[in-house]
Amino acid sequence: MNIIESSRKRIPTTLIKKISHLEHQDINTLLKNISYGKTVILKNKISKLKKPCAVGKGLRTKVNVNIGASTDVSNIKSELKKLKISIEYGADTVMDLSVGKNTRKIRREIISNSSIPLGTVPIYEAAQQAQYKRKKFVKMTKDDILETIERQAEEGVDFFTIHAGVTQEIIKKMSRYKKRIIEIVSRGGAILANWIIHNDKENPLYEYFDDVLRIAKKFDITLSLGDGLRPGSILDATDQAQLYELRKLGQLSKYALERGVQTIIEGPGHVPLNQIEKNVKLQKQICHGAPFYVLGPLVTDVSSGYDHISASIGGALASYYGADFLCYVTPSEHLKLPSIEDVKEGLIASKIAAHAGDIAKGIKYQTEWDKEISQARKSRDWKKQIKLSIDPIKAKEYRLQSQPEETSVCTMCGEYCSIKLIEDSF
């Protein structure tokens, strides 16, 4: 039995018991939500993860980190360092988005060194292999795609982004819709749109979705149904193309669940603050409560170099309104391949957003963290404050950079420390 089948029979496997404990959620509630497709567990049945991850209803908002090489920059050691720092600073999952040389080697190294679930976008490898073999990625075949998916499943990948909602119909309709500022910003979406136009055929991931489901079910892999038509500007948000694809993903998600395959739904992208609530609620309605995975979202287009801040603002609000999974954004978004430091900065910003959202939507045990650090502040227990910080290393560095004359306070207020004044007066 796979995860959905055991949940439908209300059988609490060892994995589900572990998730119930980690998430502070009643095991019967967890089983019910998995069986209804409102919660998923990201774990390939052959992988031996130390830290499996559940995403969905009533659970803590999770954070994903994207790493991987590009066609211009490919360094396995660097990507492994990004993986290490992602795990160290509390990423729940990591995605390898490598393209170019050595992608298989990089992926296998990441799998062997990761204690958290790994996701990939198989169409990247299928396209680049077709480019190498046939000189053009648009010459890839449906067999190329399915073989890539199965090979990655056999290696132990835990979840796949599958852009099955980029259909031939929507590509033809886009020319009749209100013109976008940026037509397609999803790499996978752009690859498939090019393939569809060049071959005048249906998207193989949509046409042969049953074959994709067969592989996913065999390995108990979760499908992250990708938003290939997500907006790349706040002025393109919530347009006809995005909503058409969302409706298609809702249909595919229901179809997959009926066949015993877990899914999450990927979402935007670039969304102004006043449209985030609408986007989350539309996804939950159209996709039958399936977990929602958002990239940011970025709430402005002008924050180059600081896009992690823009994304954390959007991510906090999205989490509050019901998004279940945040994909981090780094300071180098739109500009370059992220460095190790960019990965750390992006992850911490996204974790702050997720935590803020969890507090606002009433995940009780998450508030205990804030209570504990506040109590440490009241007692001016600097060691405990630093330990409880989201980035203890940086907190300690800041404390050491500016030493007060009186060690029980800090140099912001010194002898006029408000907490100490009140303490001394009462």
Protein backbone atom coordinates (compact mmCIF):
# COMPACT_ATOMS: atom_id res chain seq x y z
CA MET A 1 0.00 0.00 0.00
CA ASN A 2 1.11 3.55 -0.65
CA ILE A 3 0.52 6.57 1.60
CA ILE A 4 -2.93 7.41 0.23
CA GLU A 5 -4.13 3.80 0.30
CA SER A 6 -3.06 3.25 3.92
CA SER A 7 -4.65 6.57 4.90
CA ARG A 8 -7.95 5.62 3.25
CA LYS A 9 -7.96 2.45 5.31
CA ARG A 10 -7.02 4.51 8.39
CA ILE A 11 -3.85 2.47 8.90
CA PRO A 12 -1.26 4.52 10.85
CA THR A 13 2.07 3.46 9.36
CA THR A 14 5.36 4.19 11.10
CA LEU A 15 5.89 7.14 8.74
CA ILE A 16 2.46 8.62 9.47
CA LYS A 17 2.96 8.17 13.21
CA LYS A 18 6.25 10.07 12.93
CA ILE A 19 4.60 12.92 11.00
CA SER A 20 1.75 13.07 13.53
CA HIS A 21 4.29 13.51 16.33
CA LEU A 22 6.39 16.10 14.47
CA GLU A 23 3.37 18.15 13.45
CA HIS A 24 1.46 17.97 16.76
CA GLN A 25 -1.58 16.77 14.81
CA ASP A 26 -3.99 14.03 15.84
CA ILE A 27 -3.23 10.92 13.83
CA ASN A 28 -6.84 10.37 12.73
CA THR A 29 -7.04 13.96 11.47
CA LEU A 30 -3.81 13.46 9.58
CA LEU A 31 -5.02 10.20 7.99
CA LYS A 32 -8.29 11.84 6.94
CA ASN A 33 -6.57 14.86 5.39
CA ILE A 34 -4.14 12.66 3.43
CA SER A 35 -6.98 10.49 2.12
CA TYR A 36 -8.87 13.61 0.97
CA GLY A 37 -5.78 15.06 -0.75
CA LYS A 38 -5.53 18.01 1.64
CA THR A 39 -2.19 16.86 3.07
CA VAL A 40 0.73 15.09 1.41
CA ILE A 41 3.90 13.42 2.65
CA LEU A 42 6.93 14.11 0.47
CA LYS A 43 8.82 10.84 0.48
CA ASN A 44 9.76 8.39 -2.27
CA LYS A 45 9.09 4.90 -0.92
CA ILE A 46 12.70 3.87 -1.64
CA SER A 47 14.36 6.89 0.00
CA LYS A 48 15.67 6.72 3.57
CA LEU A 49 15.02 10.25 4.73
CA LYS A 50 15.92 11.26 8.25
CA LYS A 51 13.52 14.19 8.03
CA PRO A 52 10.39 13.36 6.00
CA CYS A 53 8.11 16.31 5.36
CA ALA A 54 4.33 16.69 5.35
CA VAL A 55 2.61 19.64 3.70
CA GLY A 56 -1.01 20.59 4.10
CA LYS A 57 -4.04 21.36 6.21
CA GLY A 58 -3.43 22.37 9.80
CA LEU A 59 0.33 21.84 9.56
CA ARG A 60 3.24 24.23 9.96
CA THR A 61 3.99 26.16 6.74
CA LYS A 62 6.95 24.53 5.05
CA VAL A 63 9.84 26.19 3.18
CA ASN A 64 11.63 24.90 0.09
CA VAL A 65 15.09 25.92 -1.12
CA ASN A 66 16.05 25.80 -4.80
CA ILE A 67 19.64 24.93 -5.65
CA GLY A 68 21.35 23.59 -8.76
CA ALA A 69 23.77 24.44 -11.54
CA SER A 70 23.11 26.45 -14.69
CA THR A 71 24.46 26.23 -18.24
CA ASP A 72 26.95 28.98 -17.29
CA VAL A 73 27.92 27.95 -13.76
CA SER A 74 28.30 24.32 -12.73
CA ASN A 75 30.10 23.41 -9.52
CA ILE A 76 29.09 20.31 -7.56
CA LYS A 77 30.99 21.36 -4.43
CA SER A 78 29.19 24.69 -4.36
CA GLU A 79 25.77 23.08 -4.72
CA LEU A 80 26.56 20.62 -1.92
CA LYS A 81 27.54 23.56 0.31
CA LYS A 82 24.20 25.17 -0.51
CA LEU A 83 22.49 21.92 0.45
CA LYS A 84 24.40 21.77 3.72
CA ILE A 85 23.54 25.33 4.73
CA SER A 86 19.90 24.77 3.73
CA ILE A 87 19.64 21.81 6.09
CA GLU A 88 21.58 23.64 8.81
CA TYR A 89 19.20 26.62 8.72
CA GLY A 90 16.03 24.56 8.70
CA ALA A 91 14.83 24.12 5.11
CA ASP A 92 12.05 21.53 4.96
CA THR A 93 12.80 20.47 1.39
CA VAL A 94 15.24 21.23 -1.40
CA MET A 95 14.80 21.22 -5.16
CA ASP A 96 17.61 20.54 -7.61
CA LEU A 97 16.93 22.72 -10.65
CA SER A 98 20.19 21.95 -12.42
CA VAL A 99 20.53 22.37 -16.17
CA GLY A 100 23.62 22.04 -18.33
CA LYS A 101 26.55 19.74 -17.66
CA ASN A 102 26.79 17.07 -14.94
CA THR A 103 23.11 17.32 -13.96
CA ARG A 104 22.77 13.61 -13.20
CA LYS A 105 25.94 13.57 -11.13
CA ILE A 106 24.88 16.67 -9.21
CA ARG A 107 21.44 15.20 -8.50
CA ARG A 108 22.86 11.90 -7.28
CA GLU A 109 25.33 13.69 -5.01
CA ILE A 110 22.53 15.82 -3.57
CA ILE A 111 20.34 12.75 -2.96
CA SER A 112 23.15 10.91 -1.20
CA ASN A 113 23.89 13.91 1.03
CA SER A 114 20.37 15.10 1.81
CA SER A 115 18.41 14.30 4.96
CA ILE A 116 15.37 16.23 3.69
CA PRO A 117 13.07 15.52 0.70
CA LEU A 118 14.36 16.36 -2.77
CA GLY A 119 12.31 17.64 -5.68
CA THR A 120 13.21 18.04 -9.35
CA VAL A 121 11.72 19.25 -12.62
CA PRO A 122 12.26 16.26 -14.96
CA ILE A 123 11.45 18.23 -18.12
CA TYR A 124 14.74 20.10 -17.66
CA GLU A 125 16.82 16.95 -18.02
CA ALA A 126 14.63 15.56 -20.81
CA ALA A 127 15.02 18.79 -22.80
CA GLN A 128 18.77 19.07 -22.34
CA GLN A 129 19.30 15.42 -23.27
CA ALA A 130 17.35 16.01 -26.49
CA GLN A 131 19.50 19.09 -27.09
CA TYR A 132 22.68 17.01 -26.78
CA LYS A 133 21.41 14.04 -28.80
CA ARG A 134 19.36 15.78 -31.51
CA LYS A 135 20.72 19.34 -31.41
CA LYS A 136 17.30 20.81 -30.50
CA PHE A 137 15.34 20.39 -27.28
CA VAL A 138 12.04 20.62 -29.21
CA LYS A 139 12.92 17.23 -30.71
CA MET A 140 12.47 15.46 -27.37
CA THR A 141 9.87 12.70 -27.40
CA LYS A 142 7.30 11.55 -24.89
CA ASP A 143 9.51 8.51 -24.28
CA ASP A 144 12.43 10.82 -23.45
CA ILE A 145 10.24 12.52 -20.85
CA LEU A 146 8.79 9.37 -19.29
CA GLU A 147 12.18 7.64 -19.18
CA THR A 148 13.66 10.66 -17.41
CA ILE A 149 10.83 10.68 -14.87
CA GLU A 150 11.24 6.97 -14.16
CA ARG A 151 15.03 7.18 -13.91
CA GLN A 152 14.83 10.04 -11.40
CA ALA A 153 12.20 8.13 -9.43
CA GLU A 154 14.52 5.12 -9.25
CA GLU A 155 17.28 7.40 -7.93
CA GLY A 156 15.08 8.42 -4.99
CA VAL A 157 13.61 11.82 -5.91
CA ASP A 158 10.69 12.54 -3.57
CA PHE A 159 8.57 14.99 -5.56
CA PHE A 160 8.39 16.17 -9.16
CA THR A 161 7.25 19.45 -10.66
CA ILE A 162 5.14 18.46 -13.64
CA HIS A 163 3.91 21.24 -15.94
CA ALA A 164 0.89 19.33 -17.21
CA GLY A 165 -1.39 22.37 -17.26
CA VAL A 166 0.43 24.06 -20.16
CA THR A 167 -1.84 22.65 -22.84
CA GLN A 168 -2.04 23.16 -26.57
CA GLU A 169 -5.39 24.88 -26.09
CA ILE A 170 -4.13 27.54 -23.69
CA ILE A 171 -1.04 28.26 -25.81
CA LYS A 172 -3.34 28.98 -28.77
CA LYS A 173 -5.68 31.07 -26.62
CA MET A 174 -2.94 33.24 -25.13
CA SER A 175 -2.66 35.29 -28.31
CA ARG A 176 -6.33 36.24 -27.88
CA TYR A 177 -6.06 37.14 -24.20
CA LYS A 178 -5.00 40.53 -22.90
CA LYS A 179 -1.29 40.70 -23.68
CA ARG A 180 0.99 40.09 -20.74
CA ILE A 181 4.01 42.25 -19.98
CA ILE A 182 6.05 39.01 -19.77
CA GLU A 183 4.39 36.07 -21.50
CA ILE A 184 6.02 33.11 -19.71
CA VAL A 185 8.63 33.21 -16.93
CA SER A 186 8.53 29.55 -15.90
CA ARG A 187 11.50 27.68 -17.40
CA GLY A 188 9.48 24.47 -17.63
CA GLY A 189 6.49 26.33 -19.03
CA ALA A 190 8.63 28.00 -21.69
CA ILE A 191 10.25 24.69 -22.73
CA LEU A 192 6.85 23.05 -23.16
CA ALA A 193 5.24 26.03 -24.89
CA ASN A 194 8.09 25.98 -27.42
CA TRP A 195 7.70 22.24 -27.88
CA ILE A 196 3.93 22.54 -28.42
CA ILE A 197 4.30 25.34 -30.98
CA HIS A 198 7.17 23.68 -32.85
CA ASN A 199 5.54 20.24 -33.04
CA ASP A 200 1.90 21.39 -33.21
CA LYS A 201 1.06 18.65 -30.70
CA GLU A 202 -0.34 18.36 -27.20
CA ASN A 203 1.91 18.66 -24.16
CA PRO A 204 3.14 15.08 -23.52
CA LEU A 205 2.87 15.59 -19.76
CA TYR A 206 -0.84 16.27 -20.24
CA GLU A 207 -1.52 13.77 -23.02
CA TYR A 208 0.29 10.95 -21.21
CA PHE A 209 -0.61 12.00 -17.67
CA ASP A 210 -1.70 8.43 -16.88
CA ASP A 211 1.85 7.24 -17.56
CA VAL A 212 3.20 9.91 -15.22
CA LEU A 213 0.72 8.77 -12.56
CA ARG A 214 1.79 5.16 -13.00
CA ILE A 215 5.41 6.05 -12.19
CA ALA A 216 4.44 8.36 -9.31
CA LYS A 217 2.24 5.71 -7.72
CA LYS A 218 4.87 2.99 -8.11
CA PHE A 219 7.36 5.05 -6.07
CA ASP A 220 4.84 6.99 -3.93
CA ILE A 221 6.12 10.26 -5.36
CA THR A 222 4.15 13.48 -4.89
CA LEU A 223 3.43 15.47 -8.03
CA SER A 224 3.84 19.20 -7.71
CA LEU A 225 1.58 20.38 -10.52
CA GLY A 226 3.58 23.26 -11.91
CA ASP A 227 2.31 26.72 -12.77
CA GLY A 228 3.96 27.09 -16.16
CA LEU A 229 1.88 30.21 -16.81
CA ARG A 230 2.47 31.95 -13.49
CA PRO A 231 2.69 35.75 -13.67
CA GLY A 232 6.18 37.26 -13.91
CA SER A 233 4.94 40.76 -13.13
CA ILE A 234 2.42 42.00 -10.59
CA LEU A 235 0.57 43.56 -13.56
CA ASP A 236 0.02 40.09 -15.04
CA ALA A 237 -1.28 38.55 -11.80
CA THR A 238 -4.60 36.67 -11.70
CA ASP A 239 -5.12 36.97 -15.46
CA GLN A 240 -7.01 34.61 -17.78
CA ALA A 241 -4.00 32.45 -18.64
CA GLN A 242 -3.08 31.90 -14.97
CA LEU A 243 -6.65 31.01 -14.03
CA TYR A 244 -7.12 28.72 -17.04
CA GLU A 245 -4.09 26.74 -15.98
CA LEU A 246 -5.23 26.68 -12.35
CA ARG A 247 -8.56 25.15 -13.37
CA LYS A 248 -6.72 22.54 -15.41
CA LEU A 249 -4.48 21.74 -12.45
CA GLY A 250 -7.55 21.35 -10.26
CA GLN A 251 -8.91 18.73 -12.66
CA LEU A 252 -5.60 16.90 -12.81
CA SER A 253 -5.22 16.97 -9.03
CA LYS A 254 -8.64 15.36 -8.55
CA TYR A 255 -7.89 12.79 -11.25
CA ALA A 256 -4.55 11.92 -9.59
CA LEU A 257 -6.10 11.58 -6.14
CA GLU A 258 -8.72 9.16 -7.48
CA ARG A 259 -5.81 7.03 -8.74
CA GLY A 260 -3.92 7.13 -5.46
CA VAL A 261 -1.29 9.77 -6.28
CA GLN A 262 -0.53 12.72 -4.01
CA THR A 263 -0.40 16.22 -5.48
CA ILE A 264 0.33 19.78 -4.50
CA ILE A 265 -0.47 22.82 -6.63
CA GLU A 266 2.16 25.40 -7.52
CA GLY A 267 1.15 29.04 -7.57
CA PRO A 268 2.48 32.49 -8.37
CA GLY A 269 4.84 34.22 -8.68
CA HIS A 270 4.43 37.98 -8.70
CA VAL A 271 1.22 39.09 -6.95
CA PRO A 272 0.34 42.49 -5.44
CA LEU A 273 -0.68 42.44 -1.78
CA ASN A 274 -4.35 43.07 -2.50
CA GLN A 275 -4.61 39.95 -4.71
CA ILE A 276 -2.90 37.40 -2.46
CA GLU A 277 -6.01 36.46 -0.49
CA LYS A 278 -7.99 36.01 -3.70
CA ASN A 279 -5.25 33.81 -5.22
CA VAL A 280 -5.06 31.49 -2.21
CA LYS A 281 -8.83 31.16 -1.82
CA LEU A 282 -9.30 30.52 -5.55
CA GLN A 283 -6.70 27.76 -5.45
CA LYS A 284 -8.30 26.08 -2.45
CA GLN A 285 -11.72 26.23 -4.10
CA ILE A 286 -10.69 25.17 -7.61
CA CYS A 287 -8.21 22.50 -6.47
CA HIS A 288 -10.41 20.88 -3.80
CA GLY A 289 -8.24 21.94 -0.86
CA ALA A 290 -4.99 20.48 -2.24
CA PRO A 291 -1.84 21.93 -0.62
CA PHE A 292 -0.74 25.23 -2.18
CA TYR A 293 2.93 25.89 -2.97
CA VAL A 294 3.80 29.52 -3.80
CA LEU A 295 6.97 31.11 -5.13
CA GLY A 296 7.22 34.02 -2.73
CA PRO A 297 5.00 35.54 -3.91
CA LEU A 298 6.82 38.76 -4.70
CA VAL A 299 4.62 41.78 -4.02
CA THR A 300 6.56 44.25 -6.17
CA ASP A 301 8.70 44.03 -9.30
CA VAL A 302 11.26 46.69 -8.35
CA SER A 303 13.11 44.92 -5.53
CA SER A 304 16.06 43.52 -7.49
CA GLY A 305 18.81 42.65 -5.02
CA TYR A 306 16.20 42.55 -2.26
CA ASP A 307 13.65 40.18 -3.77
CA HIS A 308 13.90 37.94 -0.70
CA ILE A 309 12.31 40.77 1.29
CA SER A 310 9.55 41.30 -1.27
CA ALA A 311 8.91 37.56 -1.26
CA SER A 312 8.84 37.30 2.53
CA ILE A 313 6.15 39.98 2.69
CA GLY A 314 4.04 38.09 0.19
CA GLY A 315 4.87 34.73 1.74
CA ALA A 316 3.72 35.78 5.22
CA LEU A 317 0.40 36.97 3.86
CA ALA A 318 -0.04 33.90 1.64
CA SER A 319 0.68 31.61 4.59
CA TYR A 320 -1.86 33.45 6.74
CA TYR A 321 -4.54 33.06 4.08
CA GLY A 322 -3.87 29.33 3.76
CA ALA A 323 -0.82 28.64 1.57
CA ASP A 324 0.91 25.52 2.87
CA PHE A 325 4.36 25.65 1.28
CA LEU A 326 6.65 28.58 0.45
CA CYS A 327 9.42 28.43 -2.12
CA TYR A 328 12.16 30.76 -1.00
CA VAL A 329 13.43 33.63 -3.12
CA THR A 330 17.02 34.88 -2.83
CA PRO A 331 18.49 38.40 -3.12
CA SER A 332 19.92 37.36 -6.49
CA GLU A 333 16.54 36.44 -8.02
CA HIS A 334 16.27 37.73 -11.61
CA LEU A 335 19.99 38.62 -11.59
CA LYS A 336 22.27 35.57 -11.23
CA LEU A 337 22.71 32.06 -9.87
CA PRO A 338 22.51 32.41 -6.07
CA SER A 339 25.63 32.17 -3.96
CA ILE A 340 25.85 30.21 -0.71
CA GLU A 341 25.19 33.42 1.23
CA ASP A 342 22.21 34.22 -1.03
CA VAL A 343 20.75 30.81 -0.24
CA LYS A 344 21.07 31.45 3.49
CA GLU A 345 19.52 34.94 3.26
CA GLY A 346 16.64 33.73 1.11
CA LEU A 347 15.92 30.77 3.37
CA ILE A 348 15.88 32.82 6.57
CA ALA A 349 13.58 35.44 5.01
CA SER A 350 11.18 32.72 3.89
CA LYS A 351 11.28 30.96 7.27
CA ILE A 352 10.37 34.24 8.98
CA ALA A 353 7.44 34.60 6.57
CA ALA A 354 6.27 31.04 7.21
CA HIS A 355 6.53 31.45 10.97
CA ALA A 356 4.65 34.77 10.90
CA GLY A 357 1.89 33.13 8.86
CA ASP A 358 1.69 30.17 11.23
CA ILE A 359 1.27 32.45 14.24
CA ALA A 360 -1.47 34.40 12.49
CA LYS A 361 -3.40 31.29 11.45
CA GLY A 362 -3.25 29.79 14.92
CA ILE A 363 -0.65 27.01 14.87
CA LYS A 364 -0.43 27.03 18.66
CA TYR A 365 2.87 25.27 19.26
CA GLN A 366 4.63 27.71 16.93
CA THR A 367 3.76 30.61 19.25
CA GLU A 368 5.61 28.87 22.07
CA TRP A 369 8.90 29.72 20.34
CA ASP A 370 8.05 33.44 20.50
CA LYS A 371 6.90 33.15 24.10
CA GLU A 372 10.15 31.51 25.13
CA ILE A 373 12.39 34.13 23.49
CA SER A 374 10.26 36.95 24.92
CA GLN A 375 10.69 35.51 28.41
CA ALA A 376 14.46 35.35 27.80
CA ARG A 377 14.41 39.03 26.77
CA LYS A 378 12.54 40.00 29.90
CA SER A 379 15.15 38.29 32.06
CA ARG A 380 17.90 39.64 29.77
CA ASP A 381 19.21 36.13 29.25
CA TRP A 382 21.39 36.93 26.23
CA LYS A 383 22.68 33.39 25.78
CA LYS A 384 19.15 31.98 25.56
CA GLN A 385 17.94 34.82 23.32
CA ILE A 386 20.72 34.11 20.86
CA LYS A 387 20.10 30.35 20.94
CA LEU A 388 16.40 30.85 20.19
CA SER A 389 16.99 33.31 17.31
CA ILE A 390 16.22 32.18 13.78
CA ASP A 391 19.91 32.83 12.98
CA PRO A 392 21.88 32.32 16.20
CA ILE A 393 25.23 32.88 14.49
CA LYS A 394 24.28 36.34 13.25
CA ALA A 395 22.60 37.23 16.55
CA LYS A 396 25.77 36.30 18.46
CA GLU A 397 27.96 38.29 16.04
CA TYR A 398 25.82 41.40 16.54
CA ARG A 399 25.91 41.03 20.32
CA LEU A 400 29.72 40.73 20.30
CA GLN A 401 30.20 43.68 17.93
CA SER A 402 29.00 46.22 20.50
CA GLN A 403 29.70 45.49 24.15
CA PRO A 404 27.80 47.54 26.79
CA GLU A 405 29.42 48.76 29.99
CA GLU A 406 26.76 46.88 31.93
CA THR A 407 26.59 43.33 30.58
CA SER A 408 22.94 42.78 31.47
CA VAL A 409 21.79 45.30 28.82
CA CYS A 410 22.68 46.15 25.21
CA THR A 411 24.19 49.28 23.66
CA MET A 412 20.88 50.41 22.13
CA CYS A 413 19.63 51.81 25.45
CA GLY A 414 22.50 51.14 27.86
CA GLU A 415 21.65 52.28 31.39
CA TYR A 416 18.22 53.40 30.17
CA CYS A 417 17.17 49.88 29.22
CA SER A 418 13.38 49.93 29.56
CA ILE A 419 13.16 46.34 30.78
CA LYS A 420 15.78 46.93 33.49
CA LEU A 421 14.23 50.25 34.59
CA ILE A 422 10.84 48.63 35.10
CA GLU A 423 12.40 45.64 36.82
CA ASP A 424 14.28 47.88 39.23
CA SER A 425 11.16 49.95 39.97
CA PHE A 426 8.81 47.13 40.83
